[in-house]
Amino acid sequence: MTNDHIVTAAMLAIGDELLSGRTKDKNIGHLADVLQLAAIDLKEVRIVADDEEAIVAALNALRGAYDYVFTSGGIGPTHDDITADAIAKAFGVACEHDADAMRLLGEMYARRGLEFTEARQRMARMPVGAAHIDNPVSTAPGFHISNVFVMAGVPQVFQAMLDNVVPTLRSGVRMLSVAISCPFGEGDIGTPLAAIQKANPETSIGSYPRYVGQSFSTEIVVRARAQAPLDAAADEVRAMIEAIRASRTKENRSAEA
């Protein structure tokens, strides 16, 4: 469903291993790409340790500020997988073994000839009132409660869960963009580009420096939710580039004279 407004999201990545650098996060970039295609604006990302109070505080701040919150990590079978407990605490509900999750996991381990241990049963725990997010990769479900979607940290599983979640979400007005190659560095374009941004408040203009050979150049990206303001700002950016180019040519000619 598409609505004529902006839909926002945040991500909460959970895990000591992310903060120590032992694990390199791959889920943030994937979520950003998927949400952009779904016309949902990812506005904030936080990374917190496996600490219940830190998770609760971050989640409560994010879920009240954005339409959706996506979490990754901390729903496995080990003692430091405390995300389900923290989510339950944030919502003021109990965290219990979900009957359907227990059945799914029990059947899966039986098929594999493995004992459904107490540790493995931890993956069936979720806040009372939560609904499953299917996990086609390794069976253990994620869950969502209110506007919070809780998923695994393993990238393959996170991505599979997200594929099941995104079609259920409402979306906003899609962001349009145009990239303009600029042969000048940010030091040359900073002031006039800031003036263009100020004159075109319905757009967002970003500049991304590049260094090739012995010279700097810039890619300028103009974004807007409607074609007319996008085109107007892009035209001004192109005119700025031509004005700088003409000025440089004039200076060179004067220096040669």
Protein backbone atom coordinates (compact mmCIF):
# COMPACT_ATOMS: atom_id res chain seq x y z
CA MET A 1 0.00 0.00 0.00
CA THR A 2 1.37 3.41 -0.93
CA ASN A 3 0.47 6.52 1.03
CA ASP A 4 1.23 10.15 0.27
CA HIS A 5 3.51 10.63 3.23
CA ILE A 6 6.92 9.66 4.51
CA VAL A 7 7.31 6.32 6.28
CA THR A 8 10.34 6.11 8.58
CA ALA A 9 12.36 3.32 10.12
CA ALA A 10 15.29 2.70 12.43
CA MET A 11 17.56 -0.26 13.04
CA LEU A 12 18.92 -1.60 16.30
CA ALA A 13 21.86 -3.96 15.79
CA ILE A 14 22.59 -5.98 18.93
CA GLY A 15 25.76 -7.79 19.91
CA ASP A 16 29.06 -7.43 21.75
CA GLU A 17 30.78 -8.91 18.70
CA LEU A 18 29.72 -5.95 16.55
CA LEU A 19 31.22 -3.42 18.95
CA SER A 20 34.44 -5.38 19.40
CA GLY A 21 34.92 -5.64 15.65
CA ARG A 22 34.99 -9.43 15.73
CA THR A 23 31.91 -9.54 13.52
CA LYS A 24 31.58 -7.13 10.60
CA ASP A 25 27.95 -6.12 10.23
CA LYS A 26 26.34 -6.89 6.87
CA ASN A 27 22.72 -6.35 7.84
CA ILE A 28 22.64 -2.55 8.04
CA GLY A 29 23.55 -2.02 4.40
CA HIS A 30 21.16 -4.74 3.24
CA LEU A 31 18.28 -3.25 5.23
CA ALA A 32 19.03 0.22 3.84
CA ASP A 33 18.94 -1.09 0.27
CA VAL A 34 15.70 -3.03 0.77
CA LEU A 35 13.91 -0.18 2.55
CA GLN A 36 14.92 2.33 -0.11
CA LEU A 37 13.31 0.13 -2.76
CA ALA A 38 10.22 -0.12 -0.54
CA ALA A 39 9.98 3.70 -0.18
CA ILE A 40 10.69 3.55 3.56
CA ASP A 41 13.27 5.99 4.91
CA LEU A 42 15.90 4.46 7.19
CA LYS A 43 16.61 7.42 9.47
CA GLU A 44 18.74 6.04 12.29
CA VAL A 45 20.90 3.04 13.19
CA ARG A 46 22.13 2.17 16.67
CA ILE A 47 24.49 -0.60 17.74
CA VAL A 48 24.30 -1.79 21.35
CA ALA A 49 25.95 -4.49 23.42
CA ASP A 50 24.30 -7.62 24.79
CA ASP A 51 23.08 -5.62 27.76
CA GLU A 52 19.40 -5.70 28.66
CA GLU A 53 19.14 -2.14 29.94
CA ALA A 54 20.96 -0.77 26.89
CA ILE A 55 18.66 -2.68 24.54
CA VAL A 56 15.52 -1.55 26.38
CA ALA A 57 16.59 2.10 26.42
CA ALA A 58 17.54 2.14 22.76
CA LEU A 59 14.42 0.29 21.65
CA ASN A 60 12.07 2.55 23.61
CA ALA A 61 13.72 5.63 22.13
CA LEU A 62 13.50 4.31 18.57
CA ARG A 63 10.04 2.74 18.55
CA GLY A 64 8.44 5.97 19.67
CA ALA A 65 10.26 8.06 17.08
CA TYR A 66 9.83 6.01 13.90
CA ASP A 67 7.13 4.03 12.12
CA TYR A 68 9.15 0.81 12.17
CA VAL A 69 12.12 -0.56 14.10
CA PHE A 70 14.14 -3.55 12.91
CA THR A 71 16.49 -5.39 15.24
CA SER A 72 19.18 -7.93 14.43
CA GLY A 73 20.98 -10.32 16.72
CA GLY A 74 20.55 -11.87 20.14
CA ILE A 75 17.80 -14.44 19.51
CA GLY A 76 19.95 -17.59 19.44
CA PRO A 77 20.38 -20.41 22.00
CA THR A 78 23.23 -19.09 24.17
CA HIS A 79 23.19 -17.30 27.51
CA ASP A 80 24.02 -13.92 25.96
CA ASP A 81 21.09 -14.07 23.53
CA ILE A 82 18.89 -11.78 25.59
CA THR A 83 17.06 -9.80 22.92
CA ALA A 84 13.68 -11.49 23.46
CA ASP A 85 13.81 -10.75 27.19
CA ALA A 86 14.80 -7.13 26.56
CA ILE A 87 12.02 -6.60 24.00
CA ALA A 88 9.49 -8.05 26.43
CA LYS A 89 10.75 -5.76 29.18
CA ALA A 90 10.51 -2.73 26.89
CA PHE A 91 6.85 -3.55 26.22
CA GLY A 92 6.08 -4.51 29.81
CA VAL A 93 5.02 -8.08 29.02
CA ALA A 94 6.29 -11.53 29.95
CA CYS A 95 8.76 -13.45 27.80
CA GLU A 96 7.64 -17.06 27.40
CA HIS A 97 8.18 -20.14 25.27
CA ASP A 98 5.81 -19.75 22.34
CA ALA A 99 3.83 -22.95 21.71
CA ASP A 100 3.98 -22.77 17.92
CA ALA A 101 7.70 -22.00 17.95
CA MET A 102 8.29 -24.93 20.31
CA ARG A 103 6.42 -27.22 17.93
CA LEU A 104 8.30 -25.99 14.85
CA LEU A 105 11.68 -26.36 16.49
CA GLY A 106 10.84 -29.67 18.14
CA GLU A 107 9.80 -31.17 14.81
CA MET A 108 12.89 -29.80 13.07
CA TYR A 109 15.30 -31.26 15.62
CA ALA A 110 13.42 -34.58 15.56
CA ARG A 111 13.83 -34.79 11.79
CA ARG A 112 17.54 -34.18 12.24
CA GLY A 113 17.84 -36.76 15.01
CA LEU A 114 19.00 -34.15 17.51
CA GLU A 115 17.90 -33.54 21.09
CA PHE A 116 15.69 -30.50 21.61
CA THR A 117 17.78 -29.22 24.49
CA GLU A 118 16.96 -26.48 26.95
CA ALA A 119 19.43 -24.22 25.15
CA ARG A 120 17.73 -24.82 21.81
CA GLN A 121 14.35 -24.19 23.39
CA ARG A 122 15.53 -20.66 24.18
CA MET A 123 15.02 -19.86 20.50
CA ALA A 124 11.27 -20.37 21.00
CA ARG A 125 11.01 -17.64 23.64
CA MET A 126 9.30 -14.38 22.69
CA PRO A 127 7.18 -11.65 24.31
CA VAL A 128 3.57 -12.53 25.00
CA GLY A 129 1.46 -11.16 22.15
CA ALA A 130 4.23 -11.30 19.55
CA ALA A 131 3.67 -12.85 16.12
CA HIS A 132 6.12 -15.00 14.21
CA ILE A 133 8.45 -13.91 11.43
CA ASP A 134 9.05 -17.03 9.36
CA ASN A 135 12.59 -18.32 9.01
CA PRO A 136 12.91 -20.47 5.88
CA VAL A 137 16.63 -20.96 6.43
CA SER A 138 16.96 -22.47 9.90
CA THR A 139 13.35 -22.69 11.21
CA ALA A 140 13.76 -20.69 14.47
CA PRO A 141 11.34 -17.78 13.97
CA GLY A 142 11.87 -14.12 14.57
CA PHE A 143 8.93 -12.13 15.88
CA HIS A 144 7.23 -8.78 15.71
CA ILE A 145 5.36 -6.89 18.36
CA SER A 146 3.69 -3.57 17.62
CA ASN A 147 6.04 -1.72 15.22
CA VAL A 148 9.16 -3.69 16.19
CA PHE A 149 10.52 -6.52 14.03
CA VAL A 150 13.04 -8.78 15.73
CA MET A 151 15.30 -10.86 13.49
CA ALA A 152 18.42 -12.99 13.61
CA GLY A 153 21.90 -11.55 13.28
CA VAL A 154 23.18 -14.18 10.82
CA PRO A 155 23.00 -12.31 7.48
CA GLN A 156 21.45 -15.15 5.46
CA VAL A 157 18.71 -15.61 8.04
CA PHE A 158 18.20 -11.87 8.55
CA GLN A 159 17.73 -11.38 4.81
CA ALA A 160 15.27 -14.27 4.53
CA MET A 161 13.22 -12.96 7.44
CA LEU A 162 13.25 -9.44 6.01
CA ASP A 163 11.92 -10.76 2.71
CA ASN A 164 8.88 -12.01 4.62
CA VAL A 165 8.42 -8.75 6.51
CA VAL A 166 8.73 -6.04 3.85
CA PRO A 167 5.64 -7.01 1.81
CA THR A 168 3.51 -6.50 4.94
CA LEU A 169 4.67 -2.92 5.53
CA ARG A 170 3.11 0.29 4.33
CA SER A 171 5.29 2.54 2.22
CA GLY A 172 5.60 6.23 1.57
CA VAL A 173 6.30 8.34 -1.47
CA ARG A 174 9.27 6.93 -3.34
CA MET A 175 12.44 9.02 -3.34
CA LEU A 176 13.63 10.08 -6.79
CA SER A 177 17.28 10.83 -7.47
CA VAL A 178 19.69 11.96 -10.16
CA ALA A 179 23.48 11.72 -10.08
CA ILE A 180 25.54 14.46 -11.70
CA SER A 181 29.26 14.09 -12.37
CA CYS A 182 31.22 17.19 -11.40
CA PRO A 183 34.89 17.64 -12.43
CA PHE A 184 35.59 19.94 -9.47
CA GLY A 185 36.38 19.13 -5.85
CA GLU A 186 34.19 19.93 -2.87
CA GLY A 187 36.34 22.92 -2.00
CA ASP A 188 35.36 24.51 -5.31
CA ILE A 189 31.65 23.76 -5.17
CA GLY A 190 30.91 23.95 -1.44
CA THR A 191 29.61 27.52 -1.27
CA PRO A 192 27.49 27.61 -4.45
CA LEU A 193 26.14 24.11 -3.75
CA ALA A 194 25.03 25.19 -0.28
CA ALA A 195 23.18 28.10 -1.87
CA ILE A 196 21.41 25.74 -4.26
CA GLN A 197 20.37 23.50 -1.40
CA LYS A 198 19.00 26.48 0.54
CA ALA A 199 17.03 27.64 -2.50
CA ASN A 200 15.55 24.16 -3.03
CA PRO A 201 14.26 23.00 0.36
CA GLU A 202 12.16 20.19 -1.15
CA THR A 203 15.35 18.42 -2.19
CA SER A 204 18.28 16.76 -0.47
CA ILE A 205 21.63 17.32 -2.18
CA GLY A 206 24.66 15.22 -1.34
CA SER A 207 28.23 15.51 -2.61
CA TYR A 208 30.60 12.56 -2.70
CA PRO A 209 34.29 13.27 -3.38
CA ARG A 210 36.42 11.12 -5.64
CA TYR A 211 40.17 11.14 -6.10
CA VAL A 212 41.44 9.81 -9.40
CA GLY A 213 45.00 10.22 -10.55
CA GLN A 214 46.17 13.57 -9.20
CA SER A 215 42.85 15.39 -9.10
CA PHE A 216 39.66 15.60 -7.08
CA SER A 217 36.19 15.41 -8.57
CA THR A 218 32.73 15.01 -7.08
CA GLU A 219 29.55 13.11 -7.70
CA ILE A 220 26.55 15.23 -6.77
CA VAL A 221 23.30 13.42 -6.03
CA VAL A 222 20.02 15.33 -5.93
CA ARG A 223 17.05 13.62 -4.24
CA ALA A 224 13.40 14.63 -4.06
CA ARG A 225 9.98 13.05 -3.78
CA ALA A 226 8.57 14.87 -6.81
CA GLN A 227 9.93 15.29 -10.32
CA ALA A 228 9.57 19.07 -10.64
CA PRO A 229 11.75 20.09 -7.66
CA LEU A 230 14.23 17.36 -8.59
CA ASP A 231 14.59 18.71 -12.13
CA ALA A 232 14.82 22.33 -10.96
CA ALA A 233 17.61 21.64 -8.48
CA ALA A 234 19.48 19.40 -10.92
CA ASP A 235 19.38 22.15 -13.54
CA GLU A 236 20.85 24.60 -11.04
CA VAL A 237 23.63 22.15 -10.19
CA ARG A 238 24.50 21.73 -13.86
CA ALA A 239 24.47 25.50 -14.32
CA MET A 240 26.80 25.86 -11.33
CA ILE A 241 29.25 23.40 -12.88
CA GLU A 242 29.20 25.27 -16.19
CA ALA A 243 29.73 28.60 -14.41
CA ILE A 244 32.78 27.26 -12.56
CA ARG A 245 34.11 25.75 -15.78
CA ALA A 246 33.68 29.07 -17.63
CA SER A 247 35.38 30.96 -14.81
CA ARG A 248 38.32 28.54 -14.85
CA THR A 249 38.65 28.89 -18.62
CA LYS A 250 38.67 32.66 -18.35
CA GLU A 251 41.31 32.54 -15.61
CA ASN A 252 43.51 30.26 -17.70
CA ARG A 253 43.27 32.52 -20.71
CA SER A 254 44.15 35.55 -18.62
CA ALA A 255 47.16 33.74 -17.19
CA GLU A 256 48.39 32.83 -20.66
CA ALA A 257 48.02 36.38 -21.99
